[in-house]
Amino acid sequence: MNRKEAIALLSELGANQFVNPNLVLLEKREPDRYRLQIRGDYNRQSIVAFLRKRHLSFEMSNDYLIIFKP
């Protein structure tokens, strides 16, 4: 996803109270491709349904929820 999409996604996750982040990282993977990394409290079940509707993938690694476009 591009930077604007990642910021909008984070905003929407917060507005819907799916996440309560302690730390957020926006990792640049390729030119104009980013991954959103969130560390904090989140409802996994709600986030999975939310991300599937938007055709986004995720993984859990070292206390981070990592969201990206496949």
PDB file of N, CA and C in Angstrom:
ATOM      1  N   MET A   1       0.846  -1.173   0.000  1.00  0.00           N
ATOM      2  CA  MET A   1       0.000   0.000   0.000  1.00  0.00           C
ATOM      3  C   MET A   1       0.884   1.226   0.000  1.00  0.00           C
ATOM      4  N   ASN A   2       0.368   2.301  -0.503  1.00  0.00           N
ATOM      5  CA  ASN A   2       1.169   3.510  -0.504  1.00  0.00           C
ATOM      6  C   ASN A   2       1.052   4.215   0.851  1.00  0.00           C
ATOM      7  N   ARG A   3       1.820   5.251   1.036  1.00  0.00           N
ATOM      8  CA  ARG A   3       1.883   5.941   2.327  1.00  0.00           C
ATOM      9  C   ARG A   3       0.527   6.510   2.743  1.00  0.00           C
ATOM     10  N   LYS A   4      -0.165   7.117   1.807  1.00  0.00           N
ATOM     11  CA  LYS A   4      -1.471   7.713   2.106  1.00  0.00           C
ATOM     12  C   LYS A   4      -2.475   6.645   2.548  1.00  0.00           C
ATOM     13  N   GLU A   5      -2.457   5.494   1.896  1.00  0.00           N
ATOM     14  CA  GLU A   5      -3.355   4.390   2.274  1.00  0.00           C
ATOM     15  C   GLU A   5      -3.025   3.867   3.677  1.00  0.00           C
ATOM     16  N   ALA A   6      -1.750   3.764   3.993  1.00  0.00           N
ATOM     17  CA  ALA A   6      -1.330   3.270   5.309  1.00  0.00           C
ATOM     18  C   ALA A   6      -1.783   4.213   6.428  1.00  0.00           C
ATOM     19  N   ILE A   7      -1.642   5.514   6.212  1.00  0.00           N
ATOM     20  CA  ILE A   7      -2.057   6.499   7.207  1.00  0.00           C
ATOM     21  C   ILE A   7      -3.571   6.456   7.381  1.00  0.00           C
ATOM     22  N   ALA A   8      -4.305   6.358   6.280  1.00  0.00           N
ATOM     23  CA  ALA A   8      -5.766   6.288   6.332  1.00  0.00           C
ATOM     24  C   ALA A   8      -6.215   5.014   7.054  1.00  0.00           C
ATOM     25  N   LEU A   9      -5.523   3.915   6.804  1.00  0.00           N
ATOM     26  CA  LEU A   9      -5.857   2.649   7.463  1.00  0.00           C
ATOM     27  C   LEU A   9      -5.643   2.753   8.963  1.00  0.00           C
ATOM     28  N   LEU A  10      -4.534   3.314   9.385  1.00  0.00           N
ATOM     29  CA  LEU A  10      -4.260   3.489  10.809  1.00  0.00           C
ATOM     30  C   LEU A  10      -5.343   4.352  11.455  1.00  0.00           C
ATOM     31  N   SER A  11      -5.719   5.411  10.798  1.00  0.00           N
ATOM     32  CA  SER A  11      -6.758   6.300  11.305  1.00  0.00           C
ATOM     33  C   SER A  11      -8.083   5.558  11.456  1.00  0.00           C
ATOM     34  N   GLU A  12      -8.428   4.756  10.463  1.00  0.00           N
ATOM     35  CA  GLU A  12      -9.684   4.002  10.510  1.00  0.00           C
ATOM     36  C   GLU A  12      -9.657   2.927  11.593  1.00  0.00           C
ATOM     37  N   LEU A  13      -8.530   2.259  11.750  1.00  0.00           N
ATOM     38  CA  LEU A  13      -8.409   1.247  12.821  1.00  0.00           C
ATOM     39  C   LEU A  13      -8.590   1.888  14.190  1.00  0.00           C
ATOM     40  N   GLY A  14      -8.026   3.064  14.375  1.00  0.00           N
ATOM     41  CA  GLY A  14      -8.162   3.774  15.645  1.00  0.00           C
ATOM     42  C   GLY A  14      -9.572   4.283  15.870  1.00  0.00           C
ATOM     43  N   ALA A  15     -10.182   4.836  14.839  1.00  0.00           N
ATOM     44  CA  ALA A  15     -11.539   5.372  14.946  1.00  0.00           C
ATOM     45  C   ALA A  15     -12.556   4.284  15.294  1.00  0.00           C
ATOM     46  N   ASN A  16     -12.328   3.075  14.770  1.00  0.00           N
ATOM     47  CA  ASN A  16     -13.222   1.948  15.061  1.00  0.00           C
ATOM     48  C   ASN A  16     -12.837   1.214  16.343  1.00  0.00           C
ATOM     49  N   GLN A  17     -11.816   1.698  17.018  1.00  0.00           N
ATOM     50  CA  GLN A  17     -11.308   1.142  18.274  1.00  0.00           C
ATOM     51  C   GLN A  17     -10.874  -0.318  18.137  1.00  0.00           C
ATOM     52  N   PHE A  18     -10.306  -0.644  16.961  1.00  0.00           N
ATOM     53  CA  PHE A  18      -9.733  -1.969  16.750  1.00  0.00           C
ATOM     54  C   PHE A  18      -8.324  -2.052  17.318  1.00  0.00           C
ATOM     55  N   VAL A  19      -7.640  -0.922  17.411  1.00  0.00           N
ATOM     56  CA  VAL A  19      -6.282  -0.890  17.951  1.00  0.00           C
ATOM     57  C   VAL A  19      -6.135   0.240  18.960  1.00  0.00           C
ATOM     58  N   ASN A  20      -5.262   0.016  19.916  1.00  0.00           N
ATOM     59  CA  ASN A  20      -4.825   1.038  20.866  1.00  0.00           C
ATOM     60  C   ASN A  20      -3.299   0.978  20.836  1.00  0.00           C
ATOM     61  N   PRO A  21      -2.692   1.674  19.879  1.00  0.00           N
ATOM     62  CA  PRO A  21      -1.250   1.510  19.658  1.00  0.00           C
ATOM     63  C   PRO A  21      -0.382   2.204  20.701  1.00  0.00           C
ATOM     64  N   ASN A  22       0.704   1.526  21.045  1.00  0.00           N
ATOM     65  CA  ASN A  22       1.765   2.124  21.853  1.00  0.00           C
ATOM     66  C   ASN A  22       2.868   2.660  20.946  1.00  0.00           C
ATOM     67  N   LEU A  23       3.046   1.986  19.810  1.00  0.00           N
ATOM     68  CA  LEU A  23       4.078   2.352  18.850  1.00  0.00           C
ATOM     69  C   LEU A  23       3.597   1.980  17.450  1.00  0.00           C
ATOM     70  N   VAL A  24       3.804   2.874  16.499  1.00  0.00           N
ATOM     71  CA  VAL A  24       3.437   2.621  15.106  1.00  0.00           C
ATOM     72  C   VAL A  24       4.648   2.912  14.233  1.00  0.00           C
ATOM     73  N   LEU A  25       4.952   1.971  13.353  1.00  0.00           N
ATOM     74  CA  LEU A  25       6.042   2.152  12.398  1.00  0.00           C
ATOM     75  C   LEU A  25       5.476   2.033  10.991  1.00  0.00           C
ATOM     76  N   LEU A  26       5.899   2.909  10.133  1.00  0.00           N
ATOM     77  CA  LEU A  26       5.539   2.854   8.724  1.00  0.00           C
ATOM     78  C   LEU A  26       6.823   2.496   7.986  1.00  0.00           C
ATOM     79  N   GLU A  27       6.915   1.246   7.571  1.00  0.00           N
ATOM     80  CA  GLU A  27       8.147   0.731   6.983  1.00  0.00           C
ATOM     81  C   GLU A  27       8.079   0.772   5.453  1.00  0.00           C
ATOM     82  N   LYS A  28       9.030   1.462   4.848  1.00  0.00           N
ATOM     83  CA  LYS A  28       9.100   1.542   3.393  1.00  0.00           C
ATOM     84  C   LYS A  28       9.778   0.279   2.875  1.00  0.00           C
ATOM     85  N   ARG A  29       9.075  -0.452   2.018  1.00  0.00           N
ATOM     86  CA  ARG A  29       9.597  -1.708   1.495  1.00  0.00           C
ATOM     87  C   ARG A  29      10.157  -1.550   0.080  1.00  0.00           C
ATOM     88  N   GLU A  30       9.469  -0.830  -0.757  1.00  0.00           N
ATOM     89  CA  GLU A  30       9.867  -0.562  -2.134  1.00  0.00           C
ATOM     90  C   GLU A  30       9.465   0.878  -2.416  1.00  0.00           C
ATOM     91  N   PRO A  31       9.868   1.405  -3.537  1.00  0.00           N
ATOM     92  CA  PRO A  31       9.390   2.759  -3.853  1.00  0.00           C
ATOM     93  C   PRO A  31       7.863   2.808  -3.828  1.00  0.00           C
ATOM     94  N   ASP A  32       7.338   3.642  -2.973  1.00  0.00           N
ATOM     95  CA  ASP A  32       5.898   3.852  -2.807  1.00  0.00           C
ATOM     96  C   ASP A  32       5.147   2.605  -2.328  1.00  0.00           C
ATOM     97  N   ARG A  33       5.798   1.698  -1.626  1.00  0.00           N
ATOM     98  CA  ARG A  33       5.147   0.531  -1.003  1.00  0.00           C
ATOM     99  C   ARG A  33       5.541   0.504   0.465  1.00  0.00           C
ATOM    100  N   TYR A  34       4.546   0.451   1.336  1.00  0.00           N
ATOM    101  CA  TYR A  34       4.789   0.506   2.776  1.00  0.00           C
ATOM    102  C   TYR A  34       4.081  -0.634   3.490  1.00  0.00           C
ATOM    103  N   ARG A  35       4.595  -0.943   4.680  1.00  0.00           N
ATOM    104  CA  ARG A  35       3.945  -1.862   5.613  1.00  0.00           C
ATOM    105  C   ARG A  35       3.683  -1.094   6.895  1.00  0.00           C
ATOM    106  N   LEU A  36       2.544  -1.336   7.481  1.00  0.00           N
ATOM    107  CA  LEU A  36       2.164  -0.695   8.726  1.00  0.00           C
ATOM    108  C   LEU A  36       2.435  -1.677   9.861  1.00  0.00           C
ATOM    109  N   GLN A  37       3.245  -1.266  10.839  1.00  0.00           N
ATOM    110  CA  GLN A  37       3.567  -2.114  11.984  1.00  0.00           C
ATOM    111  C   GLN A  37       3.022  -1.444  13.241  1.00  0.00           C
ATOM    112  N   ILE A  38       2.192  -2.189  13.971  1.00  0.00           N
ATOM    113  CA  ILE A  38       1.530  -1.645  15.148  1.00  0.00           C
ATOM    114  C   ILE A  38       1.873  -2.507  16.359  1.00  0.00           C
ATOM    115  N   ARG A  39       2.311  -1.841  17.412  1.00  0.00           N
ATOM    116  CA  ARG A  39       2.586  -2.521  18.680  1.00  0.00           C
ATOM    117  C   ARG A  39       1.644  -1.916  19.713  1.00  0.00           C
ATOM    118  N   GLY A  40       0.909  -2.759  20.400  1.00  0.00           N
ATOM    119  CA  GLY A  40      -0.040  -2.285  21.397  1.00  0.00           C
ATOM    120  C   GLY A  40      -1.171  -3.273  21.554  1.00  0.00           C
ATOM    121  N   ASP A  41      -2.295  -2.790  22.026  1.00  0.00           N
ATOM    122  CA  ASP A  41      -3.463  -3.640  22.245  1.00  0.00           C
ATOM    123  C   ASP A  41      -4.350  -3.607  21.015  1.00  0.00           C
ATOM    124  N   TYR A  42      -4.849  -4.775  20.649  1.00  0.00           N
ATOM    125  CA  TYR A  42      -5.766  -4.848  19.518  1.00  0.00           C
ATOM    126  C   TYR A  42      -6.627  -6.090  19.644  1.00  0.00           C
ATOM    127  N   ASN A  43      -7.790  -6.029  19.012  1.00  0.00           N
ATOM    128  CA  ASN A  43      -8.716  -7.146  18.985  1.00  0.00           C
ATOM    129  C   ASN A  43      -8.466  -7.919  17.704  1.00  0.00           C
ATOM    130  N   ARG A  44      -7.797  -9.038  17.814  1.00  0.00           N
ATOM    131  CA  ARG A  44      -7.371  -9.799  16.636  1.00  0.00           C
ATOM    132  C   ARG A  44      -8.554 -10.210  15.765  1.00  0.00           C
ATOM    133  N   GLN A  45      -9.613 -10.691  16.366  1.00  0.00           N
ATOM    134  CA  GLN A  45     -10.767 -11.175  15.610  1.00  0.00           C
ATOM    135  C   GLN A  45     -11.403 -10.045  14.781  1.00  0.00           C
ATOM    136  N   SER A  46     -11.552  -8.885  15.365  1.00  0.00           N
ATOM    137  CA  SER A  46     -12.135  -7.742  14.652  1.00  0.00           C
ATOM    138  C   SER A  46     -11.220  -7.269  13.531  1.00  0.00           C
ATOM    139  N   ILE A  47      -9.925  -7.244  13.797  1.00  0.00           N
ATOM    140  CA  ILE A  47      -8.968  -6.783  12.789  1.00  0.00           C
ATOM    141  C   ILE A  47      -8.919  -7.741  11.602  1.00  0.00           C
ATOM    142  N   VAL A  48      -8.965  -9.037  11.856  1.00  0.00           N
ATOM    143  CA  VAL A  48      -8.925 -10.021  10.768  1.00  0.00           C
ATOM    144  C   VAL A  48     -10.103  -9.800   9.819  1.00  0.00           C
ATOM    145  N   ALA A  49     -11.288  -9.644  10.356  1.00  0.00           N
ATOM    146  CA  ALA A  49     -12.474  -9.415   9.521  1.00  0.00           C
ATOM    147  C   ALA A  49     -12.355  -8.094   8.766  1.00  0.00           C
ATOM    148  N   PHE A  50     -11.895  -7.062   9.444  1.00  0.00           N
ATOM    149  CA  PHE A  50     -11.731  -5.737   8.854  1.00  0.00           C
ATOM    150  C   PHE A  50     -10.742  -5.777   7.687  1.00  0.00           C
ATOM    151  N   LEU A  51      -9.606  -6.436   7.872  1.00  0.00           N
ATOM    152  CA  LEU A  51      -8.569  -6.492   6.839  1.00  0.00           C
ATOM    153  C   LEU A  51      -8.986  -7.361   5.653  1.00  0.00           C
ATOM    154  N   ARG A  52      -9.691  -8.427   5.913  1.00  0.00           N
ATOM    155  CA  ARG A  52     -10.151  -9.293   4.813  1.00  0.00           C
ATOM    156  C   ARG A  52     -11.099  -8.544   3.887  1.00  0.00           C
ATOM    157  N   LYS A  53     -11.957  -7.705   4.450  1.00  0.00           N
ATOM    158  CA  LYS A  53     -12.882  -6.919   3.627  1.00  0.00           C
ATOM    159  C   LYS A  53     -12.118  -5.974   2.706  1.00  0.00           C
ATOM    160  N   ARG A  54     -10.944  -5.549   3.128  1.00  0.00           N
ATOM    161  CA  ARG A  54     -10.135  -4.602   2.353  1.00  0.00           C
ATOM    162  C   ARG A  54      -9.026  -5.286   1.547  1.00  0.00           C
ATOM    163  N   HIS A  55      -9.033  -6.608   1.530  1.00  0.00           N
ATOM    164  CA  HIS A  55      -8.057  -7.409   0.778  1.00  0.00           C
ATOM    165  C   HIS A  55      -6.617  -7.091   1.187  1.00  0.00           C
ATOM    166  N   LEU A  56      -6.401  -6.976   2.498  1.00  0.00           N
ATOM    167  CA  LEU A  56      -5.072  -6.742   3.050  1.00  0.00           C
ATOM    168  C   LEU A  56      -4.619  -7.981   3.806  1.00  0.00           C
ATOM    169  N   SER A  57      -3.322  -8.182   3.885  1.00  0.00           N
ATOM    170  CA  SER A  57      -2.745  -9.306   4.621  1.00  0.00           C
ATOM    171  C   SER A  57      -2.119  -8.788   5.904  1.00  0.00           C
ATOM    172  N   PHE A  58      -1.881  -9.723   6.828  1.00  0.00           N
ATOM    173  CA  PHE A  58      -1.240  -9.349   8.081  1.00  0.00           C
ATOM    174  C   PHE A  58      -0.443 -10.529   8.605  1.00  0.00           C
ATOM    175  N   GLU A  59       0.461 -10.212   9.505  1.00  0.00           N
ATOM    176  CA  GLU A  59       1.203 -11.247  10.240  1.00  0.00           C
ATOM    177  C   GLU A  59       1.517 -10.687  11.618  1.00  0.00           C
ATOM    178  N   MET A  60       1.780 -11.574  12.538  1.00  0.00           N
ATOM    179  CA  MET A  60       2.148 -11.175  13.890  1.00  0.00           C
ATOM    180  C   MET A  60       3.599 -11.577  14.093  1.00  0.00           C
ATOM    181  N   SER A  61       4.420 -10.616  14.519  1.00  0.00           N
ATOM    182  CA  SER A  61       5.838 -10.882  14.685  1.00  0.00           C
ATOM    183  C   SER A  61       6.406 -10.001  15.790  1.00  0.00           C
ATOM    184  N   ASN A  62       7.024 -10.615  16.785  1.00  0.00           N
ATOM    185  CA  ASN A  62       7.692  -9.882  17.869  1.00  0.00           C
ATOM    186  C   ASN A  62       6.816  -8.786  18.468  1.00  0.00           C
ATOM    187  N   ASP A  63       5.614  -9.138  18.878  1.00  0.00           N
ATOM    188  CA  ASP A  63       4.660  -8.216  19.491  1.00  0.00           C
ATOM    189  C   ASP A  63       4.136  -7.152  18.544  1.00  0.00           C
ATOM    190  N   TYR A  64       4.365  -7.275  17.258  1.00  0.00           N
ATOM    191  CA  TYR A  64       3.876  -6.312  16.274  1.00  0.00           C
ATOM    192  C   TYR A  64       2.806  -6.978  15.396  1.00  0.00           C
ATOM    193  N   LEU A  65       1.800  -6.208  15.079  1.00  0.00           N
ATOM    194  CA  LEU A  65       0.850  -6.565  14.051  1.00  0.00           C
ATOM    195  C   LEU A  65       1.330  -5.866  12.788  1.00  0.00           C
ATOM    196  N   ILE A  66       1.628  -6.624  11.752  1.00  0.00           N
ATOM    197  CA  ILE A  66       2.176  -6.068  10.510  1.00  0.00           C
ATOM    198  C   ILE A  66       1.120  -6.211   9.423  1.00  0.00           C
ATOM    199  N   ILE A  67       0.722  -5.086   8.833  1.00  0.00           N
ATOM    200  CA  ILE A  67      -0.327  -5.061   7.822  1.00  0.00           C
ATOM    201  C   ILE A  67       0.282  -4.600   6.499  1.00  0.00           C
ATOM    202  N   PHE A  68      -0.076  -5.319   5.414  1.00  0.00           N
ATOM    203  CA  PHE A  68       0.483  -5.000   4.107  1.00  0.00           C
ATOM    204  C   PHE A  68      -0.439  -5.507   2.999  1.00  0.00           C
ATOM    205  N   LYS A  69      -0.212  -5.007   1.799  1.00  0.00           N
ATOM    206  CA  LYS A  69      -0.912  -5.524   0.631  1.00  0.00           C
ATOM    207  C   LYS A  69      -0.108  -6.698   0.092  1.00  0.00           C
ATOM    208  N   PRO A  70      -0.806  -7.789  -0.241  1.00  0.00           N
ATOM    209  CA  PRO A  70      -0.077  -8.961  -0.771  1.00  0.00           C
ATOM    210  C   PRO A  70       0.497  -8.711  -2.154  1.00  0.00           C
TER     211      PRO A  70
END
